[in-house]
Amino acid sequence: MTQARPAAVLFDCDGVLADSEMLVNRLVAADLSARGWPMDAAEARETFLGMALPDMLPVIEARCGRLPPDWGRRLSATIAQALESEVEPVPGAMAAVMAVAEAGLALAVCSNSSRAELAAKIARLGLSEF
């Protein structure tokens, strides 16, 4: 039996390439704690795991009241800035990316993050050339 060679490899970013989840959850928790919903990073992870910002808004507003119209944009900018200087690769992730690239396969990175956040992670991890 012959195995087919894949045409491309699609990497999820958060938790696969970038060890970003607790960093982002720490920032969300700090913001919400300042708004009267005290939580730590682990509680933010448990509450919002798998949720995009638009899905988070009704949950947060039900607990904290109406958020400023630019809340999401400002939080995303704060997250992107922290990712640029703090995010680390998941152990073994860069070796996997290099192996795929060296095999001559097309590759891409996907994320539920904003473009600014994804760009910060890609730059910090040195994945821009891919």
N, C-alpha and C. Protein backbone atom coordinates (compact mmCIF):
# COMPACT_ATOMS: atom_id res chain seq x y z
N MET A 1 0.85 -1.18 0.00
CA MET A 1 0.00 0.00 0.00
C MET A 1 0.89 1.24 0.00
N THR A 2 0.62 2.16 -0.90
CA THR A 2 1.38 3.40 -1.02
C THR A 2 0.64 4.52 -0.30
N GLN A 3 1.39 5.25 0.51
CA GLN A 3 0.77 6.39 1.20
C GLN A 3 0.87 7.62 0.32
N ALA A 4 -0.23 8.35 0.22
CA ALA A 4 -0.25 9.58 -0.56
C ALA A 4 0.50 10.68 0.17
N ARG A 5 1.23 11.45 -0.56
CA ARG A 5 1.94 12.59 0.01
C ARG A 5 0.95 13.75 0.12
N PRO A 6 0.90 14.41 1.28
CA PRO A 6 -0.03 15.54 1.40
C PRO A 6 0.41 16.69 0.52
N ALA A 7 -0.55 17.46 0.07
CA ALA A 7 -0.25 18.63 -0.75
C ALA A 7 0.24 19.79 0.11
N ALA A 8 -0.21 19.82 1.36
CA ALA A 8 0.15 20.93 2.25
C ALA A 8 -0.11 20.51 3.69
N VAL A 9 0.46 21.26 4.61
CA VAL A 9 0.23 21.06 6.03
C VAL A 9 -0.26 22.37 6.62
N LEU A 10 -1.35 22.31 7.34
CA LEU A 10 -1.95 23.48 7.98
C LEU A 10 -1.73 23.34 9.48
N PHE A 11 -1.01 24.29 10.06
CA PHE A 11 -0.73 24.29 11.49
C PHE A 11 -1.69 25.24 12.20
N ASP A 12 -2.30 24.78 13.26
CA ASP A 12 -3.01 25.68 14.16
C ASP A 12 -1.94 26.42 14.95
N CYS A 13 -2.18 27.65 15.30
CA CYS A 13 -1.15 28.44 15.95
C CYS A 13 -1.15 28.26 17.47
N ASP A 14 -2.23 28.62 18.11
CA ASP A 14 -2.28 28.66 19.58
C ASP A 14 -2.35 27.26 20.17
N GLY A 15 -1.35 26.97 20.99
CA GLY A 15 -1.30 25.67 21.65
C GLY A 15 -0.63 24.60 20.80
N VAL A 16 -0.38 24.88 19.53
CA VAL A 16 0.31 23.94 18.64
C VAL A 16 1.69 24.49 18.30
N LEU A 17 1.73 25.70 17.78
CA LEU A 17 3.00 26.36 17.48
C LEU A 17 3.40 27.34 18.58
N ALA A 18 2.45 28.15 19.01
CA ALA A 18 2.72 29.19 20.01
C ALA A 18 2.11 28.81 21.35
N ASP A 19 2.92 28.89 22.38
CA ASP A 19 2.45 28.63 23.74
C ASP A 19 1.86 29.93 24.28
N SER A 20 0.72 30.31 23.72
CA SER A 20 0.16 31.64 23.94
C SER A 20 -1.07 31.67 24.84
N GLU A 21 -1.67 30.55 25.09
CA GLU A 21 -2.97 30.55 25.75
C GLU A 21 -2.95 31.16 27.15
N MET A 22 -1.98 30.80 27.98
CA MET A 22 -1.98 31.36 29.33
C MET A 22 -1.60 32.83 29.34
N LEU A 23 -0.75 33.24 28.41
CA LEU A 23 -0.41 34.66 28.28
C LEU A 23 -1.65 35.47 27.95
N VAL A 24 -2.40 35.03 26.96
CA VAL A 24 -3.62 35.74 26.57
C VAL A 24 -4.64 35.69 27.70
N ASN A 25 -4.80 34.53 28.33
CA ASN A 25 -5.76 34.43 29.43
C ASN A 25 -5.38 35.31 30.61
N ARG A 26 -4.08 35.48 30.84
CA ARG A 26 -3.63 36.38 31.91
C ARG A 26 -4.06 37.81 31.62
N LEU A 27 -3.94 38.24 30.37
CA LEU A 27 -4.31 39.60 30.00
C LEU A 27 -5.83 39.81 30.04
N VAL A 28 -6.58 38.82 29.58
CA VAL A 28 -8.05 38.89 29.66
C VAL A 28 -8.48 38.96 31.12
N ALA A 29 -7.89 38.10 31.95
CA ALA A 29 -8.24 38.08 33.37
C ALA A 29 -7.94 39.41 34.05
N ALA A 30 -6.81 40.01 33.73
CA ALA A 30 -6.46 41.31 34.32
C ALA A 30 -7.45 42.38 33.91
N ASP A 31 -7.83 42.39 32.63
CA ASP A 31 -8.79 43.38 32.15
C ASP A 31 -10.14 43.20 32.84
N LEU A 32 -10.61 41.97 32.89
CA LEU A 32 -11.93 41.74 33.48
C LEU A 32 -11.93 41.94 34.99
N SER A 33 -10.84 41.61 35.64
CA SER A 33 -10.74 41.85 37.08
C SER A 33 -10.84 43.34 37.37
N ALA A 34 -10.21 44.15 36.53
CA ALA A 34 -10.27 45.61 36.69
C ALA A 34 -11.68 46.13 36.44
N ARG A 35 -12.49 45.37 35.73
CA ARG A 35 -13.88 45.77 35.44
C ARG A 35 -14.86 45.18 36.45
N GLY A 36 -14.35 44.51 37.48
CA GLY A 36 -15.23 44.00 38.53
C GLY A 36 -15.57 42.52 38.44
N TRP A 37 -14.96 41.81 37.52
CA TRP A 37 -15.15 40.36 37.44
C TRP A 37 -13.81 39.71 37.79
N PRO A 38 -13.55 39.52 39.08
CA PRO A 38 -12.24 39.00 39.49
C PRO A 38 -12.03 37.57 38.98
N MET A 39 -10.89 37.37 38.35
CA MET A 39 -10.51 36.03 37.88
C MET A 39 -9.02 36.00 37.66
N ASP A 40 -8.49 34.77 37.61
CA ASP A 40 -7.09 34.60 37.25
C ASP A 40 -7.03 33.97 35.85
N ALA A 41 -5.82 33.74 35.37
CA ALA A 41 -5.65 33.22 34.01
C ALA A 41 -6.33 31.87 33.82
N ALA A 42 -6.25 31.00 34.83
CA ALA A 42 -6.88 29.68 34.71
C ALA A 42 -8.39 29.79 34.61
N GLU A 43 -8.97 30.71 35.36
CA GLU A 43 -10.43 30.91 35.28
C GLU A 43 -10.83 31.51 33.93
N ALA A 44 -10.01 32.42 33.41
CA ALA A 44 -10.30 32.98 32.08
C ALA A 44 -10.24 31.88 31.03
N ARG A 45 -9.27 31.01 31.14
CA ARG A 45 -9.15 29.89 30.19
C ARG A 45 -10.39 29.01 30.26
N GLU A 46 -10.80 28.67 31.45
CA GLU A 46 -11.97 27.81 31.63
C GLU A 46 -13.24 28.47 31.10
N THR A 47 -13.37 29.74 31.31
CA THR A 47 -14.56 30.47 30.90
C THR A 47 -14.64 30.70 29.39
N PHE A 48 -13.50 30.99 28.77
CA PHE A 48 -13.52 31.44 27.38
C PHE A 48 -12.83 30.49 26.39
N LEU A 49 -12.46 29.31 26.81
CA LEU A 49 -11.74 28.37 25.94
C LEU A 49 -12.49 28.15 24.63
N GLY A 50 -11.80 28.37 23.53
CA GLY A 50 -12.36 28.14 22.21
C GLY A 50 -13.25 29.25 21.69
N MET A 51 -13.41 30.33 22.45
CA MET A 51 -14.30 31.41 22.05
C MET A 51 -13.52 32.53 21.37
N ALA A 52 -14.06 33.01 20.27
CA ALA A 52 -13.53 34.21 19.63
C ALA A 52 -14.08 35.42 20.38
N LEU A 53 -13.42 36.55 20.20
CA LEU A 53 -13.84 37.77 20.89
C LEU A 53 -15.33 38.08 20.74
N PRO A 54 -15.90 37.99 19.54
CA PRO A 54 -17.34 38.29 19.43
C PRO A 54 -18.21 37.37 20.29
N ASP A 55 -17.76 36.12 20.49
CA ASP A 55 -18.51 35.19 21.33
C ASP A 55 -18.34 35.50 22.81
N MET A 56 -17.21 36.11 23.16
CA MET A 56 -16.93 36.45 24.55
C MET A 56 -17.75 37.66 25.01
N LEU A 57 -18.00 38.59 24.08
CA LEU A 57 -18.64 39.86 24.45
C LEU A 57 -19.94 39.70 25.24
N PRO A 58 -20.91 38.89 24.78
CA PRO A 58 -22.15 38.80 25.55
C PRO A 58 -21.95 38.21 26.95
N VAL A 59 -21.01 37.28 27.07
CA VAL A 59 -20.73 36.68 28.38
C VAL A 59 -20.15 37.74 29.31
N ILE A 60 -19.21 38.53 28.79
CA ILE A 60 -18.57 39.56 29.60
C ILE A 60 -19.57 40.66 29.95
N GLU A 61 -20.34 41.12 28.97
CA GLU A 61 -21.29 42.20 29.23
C GLU A 61 -22.39 41.77 30.19
N ALA A 62 -22.76 40.51 30.19
CA ALA A 62 -23.75 40.02 31.15
C ALA A 62 -23.22 40.12 32.57
N ARG A 63 -21.92 40.03 32.73
CA ARG A 63 -21.30 40.06 34.04
C ARG A 63 -20.80 41.45 34.44
N CYS A 64 -20.28 42.20 33.45
CA CYS A 64 -19.61 43.47 33.75
C CYS A 64 -20.39 44.70 33.28
N GLY A 65 -21.45 44.50 32.52
CA GLY A 65 -22.15 45.63 31.94
C GLY A 65 -21.57 45.97 30.59
N ARG A 66 -22.14 46.97 29.97
CA ARG A 66 -21.75 47.37 28.61
C ARG A 66 -20.27 47.75 28.56
N LEU A 67 -19.58 47.23 27.57
CA LEU A 67 -18.17 47.55 27.37
C LEU A 67 -18.03 48.72 26.41
N PRO A 68 -16.94 49.47 26.52
CA PRO A 68 -16.71 50.56 25.56
C PRO A 68 -16.66 50.00 24.14
N PRO A 69 -17.10 50.78 23.15
CA PRO A 69 -17.13 50.30 21.77
C PRO A 69 -15.77 49.82 21.24
N ASP A 70 -14.68 50.39 21.75
CA ASP A 70 -13.35 50.01 21.26
C ASP A 70 -12.66 49.00 22.17
N TRP A 71 -13.41 48.39 23.09
CA TRP A 71 -12.82 47.46 24.05
C TRP A 71 -12.07 46.32 23.34
N GLY A 72 -12.69 45.67 22.39
CA GLY A 72 -12.08 44.56 21.70
C GLY A 72 -10.81 44.95 20.97
N ARG A 73 -10.85 46.08 20.30
CA ARG A 73 -9.68 46.57 19.57
C ARG A 73 -8.53 46.86 20.53
N ARG A 74 -8.85 47.50 21.65
CA ARG A 74 -7.79 47.84 22.62
C ARG A 74 -7.22 46.58 23.28
N LEU A 75 -8.09 45.64 23.63
CA LEU A 75 -7.61 44.40 24.23
C LEU A 75 -6.73 43.64 23.24
N SER A 76 -7.15 43.58 21.99
CA SER A 76 -6.37 42.89 20.96
C SER A 76 -5.01 43.55 20.78
N ALA A 77 -4.95 44.86 20.83
CA ALA A 77 -3.67 45.58 20.70
C ALA A 77 -2.76 45.26 21.89
N THR A 78 -3.33 45.20 23.08
CA THR A 78 -2.56 44.85 24.28
C THR A 78 -2.02 43.43 24.16
N ILE A 79 -2.86 42.53 23.70
CA ILE A 79 -2.45 41.14 23.53
C ILE A 79 -1.35 41.04 22.48
N ALA A 80 -1.52 41.70 21.35
CA ALA A 80 -0.51 41.65 20.28
C ALA A 80 0.84 42.17 20.77
N GLN A 81 0.81 43.23 21.54
CA GLN A 81 2.06 43.80 22.07
C GLN A 81 2.75 42.81 23.00
N ALA A 82 1.99 42.16 23.86
CA ALA A 82 2.57 41.17 24.77
C ALA A 82 3.10 39.95 24.01
N LEU A 83 2.36 39.52 23.00
CA LEU A 83 2.79 38.37 22.21
C LEU A 83 4.12 38.66 21.51
N GLU A 84 4.28 39.88 21.01
CA GLU A 84 5.51 40.25 20.31
C GLU A 84 6.75 40.07 21.17
N SER A 85 6.60 40.24 22.48
CA SER A 85 7.78 40.19 23.34
C SER A 85 7.81 38.97 24.27
N GLU A 86 6.70 38.25 24.41
CA GLU A 86 6.67 37.20 25.42
C GLU A 86 6.36 35.79 24.93
N VAL A 87 5.65 35.64 23.82
CA VAL A 87 5.20 34.30 23.44
C VAL A 87 6.40 33.41 23.09
N GLU A 88 6.31 32.15 23.49
CA GLU A 88 7.35 31.17 23.22
C GLU A 88 6.76 30.04 22.38
N PRO A 89 7.60 29.34 21.64
CA PRO A 89 7.09 28.21 20.86
C PRO A 89 6.75 27.02 21.75
N VAL A 90 5.79 26.23 21.32
CA VAL A 90 5.52 24.96 21.96
C VAL A 90 6.73 24.07 21.69
N PRO A 91 7.22 23.34 22.69
CA PRO A 91 8.40 22.48 22.45
C PRO A 91 8.17 21.55 21.25
N GLY A 92 9.13 21.55 20.36
CA GLY A 92 9.09 20.71 19.17
C GLY A 92 8.37 21.32 17.98
N ALA A 93 7.67 22.42 18.19
CA ALA A 93 6.88 23.01 17.11
C ALA A 93 7.74 23.52 15.96
N MET A 94 8.81 24.20 16.28
CA MET A 94 9.63 24.76 15.21
C MET A 94 10.32 23.64 14.42
N ALA A 95 10.68 22.56 15.10
CA ALA A 95 11.27 21.42 14.39
C ALA A 95 10.25 20.82 13.41
N ALA A 96 8.99 20.77 13.81
CA ALA A 96 7.94 20.24 12.93
C ALA A 96 7.76 21.13 11.71
N VAL A 97 7.75 22.43 11.92
CA VAL A 97 7.61 23.37 10.80
C VAL A 97 8.80 23.22 9.85
N MET A 98 9.99 23.14 10.40
CA MET A 98 11.18 22.99 9.57
C MET A 98 11.15 21.68 8.78
N ALA A 99 10.69 20.61 9.40
CA ALA A 99 10.62 19.32 8.72
C ALA A 99 9.65 19.39 7.54
N VAL A 100 8.52 20.05 7.74
CA VAL A 100 7.54 20.20 6.66
C VAL A 100 8.13 21.03 5.53
N ALA A 101 8.78 22.14 5.89
CA ALA A 101 9.39 23.02 4.88
C ALA A 101 10.50 22.28 4.12
N GLU A 102 11.33 21.55 4.84
CA GLU A 102 12.43 20.82 4.21
C GLU A 102 11.93 19.70 3.30
N ALA A 103 10.74 19.17 3.59
CA ALA A 103 10.14 18.13 2.75
C ALA A 103 9.54 18.73 1.48
N GLY A 104 9.56 20.06 1.38
CA GLY A 104 9.05 20.72 0.18
C GLY A 104 7.54 20.83 0.14
N LEU A 105 6.91 20.67 1.27
CA LEU A 105 5.45 20.79 1.33
C LEU A 105 5.04 22.24 1.58
N ALA A 106 3.94 22.64 1.00
CA ALA A 106 3.38 23.95 1.31
C ALA A 106 2.88 23.91 2.75
N LEU A 107 2.98 25.03 3.42
CA LEU A 107 2.47 25.08 4.79
C LEU A 107 1.83 26.43 5.05
N ALA A 108 0.93 26.43 6.01
CA ALA A 108 0.25 27.65 6.42
C ALA A 108 -0.07 27.55 7.90
N VAL A 109 -0.32 28.70 8.49
CA VAL A 109 -0.68 28.78 9.90
C VAL A 109 -2.08 29.37 9.98
N CYS A 110 -2.94 28.76 10.78
CA CYS A 110 -4.29 29.29 10.97
C CYS A 110 -4.49 29.64 12.43
N SER A 111 -5.43 30.53 12.68
CA SER A 111 -5.68 30.97 14.04
C SER A 111 -7.05 31.64 14.12
N ASN A 112 -7.61 31.59 15.30
CA ASN A 112 -8.84 32.30 15.60
C ASN A 112 -8.50 33.70 16.13
N SER A 113 -7.23 34.03 16.17
CA SER A 113 -6.76 35.32 16.68
C SER A 113 -7.01 36.42 15.65
N SER A 114 -6.90 37.65 16.13
CA SER A 114 -6.96 38.78 15.19
C SER A 114 -5.71 38.74 14.31
N ARG A 115 -5.77 39.45 13.20
CA ARG A 115 -4.60 39.50 12.30
C ARG A 115 -3.38 40.07 13.02
N ALA A 116 -3.58 41.09 13.84
CA ALA A 116 -2.46 41.70 14.56
C ALA A 116 -1.84 40.71 15.54
N GLU A 117 -2.67 39.97 16.24
CA GLU A 117 -2.16 38.97 17.19
C GLU A 117 -1.41 37.87 16.46
N LEU A 118 -1.98 37.38 15.35
CA LEU A 118 -1.32 36.32 14.58
C LEU A 118 0.00 36.83 14.01
N ALA A 119 0.02 38.04 13.50
CA ALA A 119 1.25 38.60 12.96
C ALA A 119 2.33 38.70 14.04
N ALA A 120 1.93 39.08 15.26
CA ALA A 120 2.88 39.19 16.36
C ALA A 120 3.47 37.81 16.70
N LYS A 121 2.63 36.79 16.72
CA LYS A 121 3.12 35.44 17.03
C LYS A 121 4.05 34.94 15.92
N ILE A 122 3.67 35.14 14.68
CA ILE A 122 4.49 34.67 13.56
C ILE A 122 5.85 35.37 13.57
N ALA A 123 5.85 36.67 13.83
CA ALA A 123 7.11 37.41 13.88
C ALA A 123 7.97 36.94 15.05
N ARG A 124 7.39 36.82 16.21
CA ARG A 124 8.15 36.42 17.41
C ARG A 124 8.74 35.02 17.26
N LEU A 125 8.01 34.12 16.63
CA LEU A 125 8.47 32.74 16.49
C LEU A 125 9.38 32.54 15.28
N GLY A 126 9.53 33.60 14.48
CA GLY A 126 10.40 33.50 13.31
C GLY A 126 9.80 32.70 12.17
N LEU A 127 8.49 32.76 12.05
CA LEU A 127 7.79 32.00 11.00
C LEU A 127 7.45 32.82 9.77
N SER A 128 7.87 34.06 9.72
CA SER A 128 7.51 34.95 8.62
C SER A 128 7.96 34.41 7.27
N GLU A 129 9.08 33.74 7.21
CA GLU A 129 9.58 33.24 5.93
C GLU A 129 8.71 32.13 5.37
N PHE A 130 7.87 31.53 6.21
CA PHE A 130 7.01 30.45 5.76
C PHE A 130 5.64 30.96 5.38
